[in-house]
Amino acid sequence: MDNPTTYSVPDMSCGHCVTAIRTEVEAVAGVTAVDVDLESKVVTVTGGTTSAVIAAIDEAGFDIA
């Protein structure tokens, strides 16, 4: 089982942000779990490659800190 990786996404500010990020990251090949915590502005991802997850978050319109 893959270890989860966390990404800090400081620009997240609303439920739409959470949905946009979750939708893009869930589409990444190999991703088995996505948790988006708006309060802490952290995305936790299990599976997929780091570069693909970062690209998905970027595609959703957000930068990683």
C-alpha atoms as a PDB file:
ATOM      1  CA  MET A   1       0.000   0.000   0.000  1.00  0.00           C
ATOM      2  CA  ASP A   2       1.261   3.470  -0.880  1.00  0.00           C
ATOM      3  CA  ASN A   3       2.047   5.936   1.846  1.00  0.00           C
ATOM      4  CA  PRO A   4      -0.020   9.112   1.645  1.00  0.00           C
ATOM      5  CA  THR A   5       1.682  12.323   0.535  1.00  0.00           C
ATOM      6  CA  THR A   6       0.526  15.732   1.740  1.00  0.00           C
ATOM      7  CA  TYR A   7       0.524  18.935  -0.277  1.00  0.00           C
ATOM      8  CA  SER A   8      -0.001  22.410   1.179  1.00  0.00           C
ATOM      9  CA  VAL A   9      -2.402  24.447  -0.971  1.00  0.00           C
ATOM     10  CA  PRO A  10      -2.685  27.858   0.731  1.00  0.00           C
ATOM     11  CA  ASP A  11      -5.005  29.396  -1.885  1.00  0.00           C
ATOM     12  CA  MET A  12      -7.922  27.051  -1.079  1.00  0.00           C
ATOM     13  CA  SER A  13     -10.723  29.123   0.383  1.00  0.00           C
ATOM     14  CA  CYS A  14     -14.094  27.478  -0.280  1.00  0.00           C
ATOM     15  CA  GLY A  15     -16.024  24.321  -1.058  1.00  0.00           C
ATOM     16  CA  HIS A  16     -15.670  24.922  -4.793  1.00  0.00           C
ATOM     17  CA  CYS A  17     -11.883  24.838  -4.351  1.00  0.00           C
ATOM     18  CA  VAL A  18     -12.144  21.503  -2.554  1.00  0.00           C
ATOM     19  CA  THR A  19     -14.337  20.032  -5.299  1.00  0.00           C
ATOM     20  CA  ALA A  20     -12.098  21.299  -8.109  1.00  0.00           C
ATOM     21  CA  ILE A  21      -8.951  19.865  -6.530  1.00  0.00           C
ATOM     22  CA  ARG A  22     -10.591  16.558  -5.593  1.00  0.00           C
ATOM     23  CA  THR A  23     -11.976  16.087  -9.131  1.00  0.00           C
ATOM     24  CA  GLU A  24      -8.623  16.735 -10.820  1.00  0.00           C
ATOM     25  CA  VAL A  25      -6.551  14.633  -8.411  1.00  0.00           C
ATOM     26  CA  GLU A  26      -8.980  11.679  -8.447  1.00  0.00           C
ATOM     27  CA  ALA A  27      -8.485  11.522 -12.234  1.00  0.00           C
ATOM     28  CA  VAL A  28      -4.724  10.925 -11.865  1.00  0.00           C
ATOM     29  CA  ALA A  29      -3.697   7.375 -12.769  1.00  0.00           C
ATOM     30  CA  GLY A  30      -2.845   5.324  -9.700  1.00  0.00           C
ATOM     31  CA  VAL A  31      -4.493   7.596  -7.131  1.00  0.00           C
ATOM     32  CA  THR A  32      -6.473   5.482  -4.669  1.00  0.00           C
ATOM     33  CA  ALA A  33      -7.501   8.112  -2.089  1.00  0.00           C
ATOM     34  CA  VAL A  34      -7.800  11.898  -1.878  1.00  0.00           C
ATOM     35  CA  ASP A  35      -8.546  13.927   1.251  1.00  0.00           C
ATOM     36  CA  VAL A  36      -8.896  17.699   0.919  1.00  0.00           C
ATOM     37  CA  ASP A  37      -8.920  19.568   4.243  1.00  0.00           C
ATOM     38  CA  LEU A  38     -10.065  23.132   3.681  1.00  0.00           C
ATOM     39  CA  GLU A  39      -9.398  24.242   7.259  1.00  0.00           C
ATOM     40  CA  SER A  40      -5.729  23.211   7.215  1.00  0.00           C
ATOM     41  CA  LYS A  41      -5.407  23.856   3.437  1.00  0.00           C
ATOM     42  CA  VAL A  42      -3.810  20.438   2.967  1.00  0.00           C
ATOM     43  CA  VAL A  43      -4.432  17.809   0.286  1.00  0.00           C
ATOM     44  CA  THR A  44      -3.489  14.241   1.223  1.00  0.00           C
ATOM     45  CA  VAL A  45      -3.118  11.821  -1.673  1.00  0.00           C
ATOM     46  CA  THR A  46      -2.473   8.086  -1.722  1.00  0.00           C
ATOM     47  CA  GLY A  47      -1.086   6.690  -4.975  1.00  0.00           C
ATOM     48  CA  GLY A  48      -0.152   8.370  -8.229  1.00  0.00           C
ATOM     49  CA  THR A  49       3.134  10.116  -8.889  1.00  0.00           C
ATOM     50  CA  THR A  50       4.082  13.352  -7.186  1.00  0.00           C
ATOM     51  CA  SER A  51       4.550  15.131 -10.511  1.00  0.00           C
ATOM     52  CA  ALA A  52       1.137  14.001 -11.778  1.00  0.00           C
ATOM     53  CA  VAL A  53      -0.611  15.077  -8.567  1.00  0.00           C
ATOM     54  CA  ILE A  54       1.116  18.479  -8.632  1.00  0.00           C
ATOM     55  CA  ALA A  55       0.082  18.885 -12.281  1.00  0.00           C
ATOM     56  CA  ALA A  56      -3.533  18.011 -11.379  1.00  0.00           C
ATOM     57  CA  ILE A  57      -3.614  20.556  -8.565  1.00  0.00           C
ATOM     58  CA  ASP A  58      -2.149  23.124 -10.968  1.00  0.00           C
ATOM     59  CA  GLU A  59      -4.799  22.180 -13.555  1.00  0.00           C
ATOM     60  CA  ALA A  60      -7.452  22.906 -10.910  1.00  0.00           C
ATOM     61  CA  GLY A  61      -5.972  26.406 -10.661  1.00  0.00           C
ATOM     62  CA  PHE A  62      -3.951  26.173  -7.459  1.00  0.00           C
ATOM     63  CA  ASP A  63      -0.304  26.391  -6.467  1.00  0.00           C
ATOM     64  CA  ILE A  64       1.444  24.181  -3.973  1.00  0.00           C
ATOM     65  CA  ALA A  65       3.327  25.974  -1.202  1.00  0.00           C
END
